[in-house]
Protein backbone atom coordinates (compact mmCIF):
# COMPACT_ATOMS: atom_id res chain seq x y z
CA MET A 1 -2.43 18.69 -11.30
CA PRO A 2 -2.75 15.50 -9.15
CA THR A 3 -4.00 12.23 -10.59
CA PRO A 4 -6.13 9.60 -8.89
CA LEU A 5 -2.85 7.62 -8.62
CA GLY A 6 -1.25 10.55 -6.87
CA ASP A 7 -4.14 11.15 -4.47
CA ARG A 8 -4.26 7.51 -3.56
CA ILE A 9 -0.58 7.49 -2.78
CA ARG A 10 -0.70 10.75 -0.84
CA ASP A 11 -3.79 9.63 1.21
CA LEU A 12 -2.29 6.13 2.02
CA ARG A 13 1.01 7.68 2.89
CA ILE A 14 -0.54 10.08 5.38
CA LYS A 15 -2.74 7.36 6.87
CA LYS A 16 0.50 5.39 7.54
CA GLY A 17 2.13 8.44 9.12
CA LEU A 18 4.82 8.40 6.50
CA THR A 19 6.63 11.65 5.28
CA LEU A 20 7.51 11.92 1.48
CA GLU A 21 11.06 11.08 2.53
CA GLY A 22 10.00 8.06 4.58
CA LEU A 23 8.04 6.55 1.58
CA ALA A 24 10.81 7.47 -0.73
CA GLY A 25 13.31 5.50 1.53
CA LYS A 26 11.12 2.53 1.59
CA VAL A 27 10.76 2.36 -2.23
CA GLU A 28 14.31 3.38 -3.09
CA SER A 29 13.35 6.50 -4.72
CA SER A 30 13.85 10.17 -4.21
CA LYS A 31 11.64 12.41 -2.21
CA SER A 32 11.04 14.58 -5.19
CA TYR A 33 9.97 11.65 -7.27
CA ILE A 34 7.35 10.78 -4.76
CA TRP A 35 6.25 14.40 -4.59
CA GLU A 36 5.87 14.40 -8.41
CA LEU A 37 3.85 11.21 -8.33
CA GLU A 38 1.49 12.82 -5.74
CA ASN A 39 1.19 16.22 -7.23
CA LYS A 40 1.81 16.11 -11.07
CA ASN A 41 0.63 14.23 -14.08
CA VAL A 42 3.91 12.60 -14.68
CA ALA A 43 4.93 9.75 -17.03
CA ARG A 44 3.67 6.33 -15.73
CA PRO A 45 5.97 4.84 -13.07
CA SER A 46 7.42 1.44 -13.71
CA ALA A 47 5.53 -1.68 -12.53
CA GLU A 48 8.34 -2.48 -10.20
CA LYS A 49 8.12 1.05 -8.61
CA LEU A 50 4.42 0.73 -8.21
CA ARG A 51 4.82 -2.69 -6.60
CA LEU A 52 7.24 -1.27 -4.11
CA ILE A 53 4.84 1.60 -3.30
CA ALA A 54 1.93 -0.70 -2.86
CA LEU A 55 4.03 -2.88 -0.45
CA ALA A 56 5.15 0.11 1.48
CA LEU A 57 1.46 1.41 1.89
CA ASP A 58 -0.01 -1.99 2.58
CA THR A 59 -2.23 -2.02 -0.50
CA THR A 60 -2.23 -3.49 -4.00
CA THR A 61 -1.19 -1.99 -7.34
CA ASP A 62 -4.72 -2.82 -8.54
CA TYR A 63 -6.04 -0.24 -5.92
CA LEU A 64 -3.37 2.35 -6.78
CA LEU A 65 -4.29 2.13 -10.53
CA SER A 66 -8.03 1.45 -10.29
CA ALA A 67 -10.83 3.52 -11.72
CA GLU A 68 -12.74 5.92 -9.43
CA GLY A 69 -15.01 4.43 -6.84
CA VAL A 70 -12.89 1.36 -5.98
CA SER A 71 -12.99 0.61 -2.21
CA GLU A 72 -9.74 0.56 -0.40
CA THR A 73 -11.29 -1.99 2.08
CA GLY A 74 -11.32 -4.86 -0.47
CA GLU A 75 -7.67 -3.98 -1.44
CA ALA A 76 -6.58 -3.82 2.27
CA ASP A 77 -7.99 -7.34 2.69
CA GLN A 78 -6.03 -8.54 -0.30
CA ALA A 79 -2.88 -6.84 0.93
CA PHE A 80 -3.46 -8.52 4.48
CA PHE A 81 -3.98 -12.05 2.74
CA ARG A 82 -0.73 -11.49 0.72
CA LYS A 83 1.07 -10.90 4.08
CA TYR A 84 -0.47 -13.99 5.52
CA GLN A 85 0.63 -16.12 2.67
CA THR A 86 4.22 -15.16 3.22
CA LEU A 87 4.14 -16.31 6.97
CA ASP A 88 5.64 -19.68 7.86
CA GLU A 89 3.41 -22.23 9.46
CA HIS A 90 4.22 -21.13 12.92
CA GLY A 91 3.27 -17.48 12.11
CA LYS A 92 0.01 -18.63 10.48
CA LYS A 93 -0.92 -20.76 13.61
CA ARG A 94 -0.19 -17.86 15.80
CA LEU A 95 -2.42 -15.45 13.77
CA GLN A 96 -5.27 -18.08 13.66
CA ARG A 97 -5.04 -18.43 17.55
CA ILE A 98 -5.26 -14.66 17.73
CA LEU A 99 -8.31 -14.54 15.45
CA ASP A 100 -9.92 -17.45 17.38
CA ALA A 101 -9.48 -15.43 20.68
CA LEU A 102 -11.15 -12.38 19.13
CA ASP A 103 -14.05 -14.47 18.09
CA ASP A 104 -14.50 -15.59 21.70
CA GLU A 105 -15.01 -11.99 22.89
């Protein structure tokens, strides 16, 4: 029986257009392990495995593990901000110019 964690992984994987094999490759895992996470009530994955899955799916571990009713929107914003923080100064300035251009429309 799937768990909320499994449902969230599956939903996000499909939204990103990833196959089981594609996600497995991104998180250095097997296709069968990802399938088990999505479809069975398996033992808890390690924190490192959850971190890799969250990164591959552009979300946070908080969203993957959260209680029912948590919005993915806030988690997507947090994931975006984490990516922004990893940009060098040139990348940050480019993104700021893009956002400024969108504001002008």
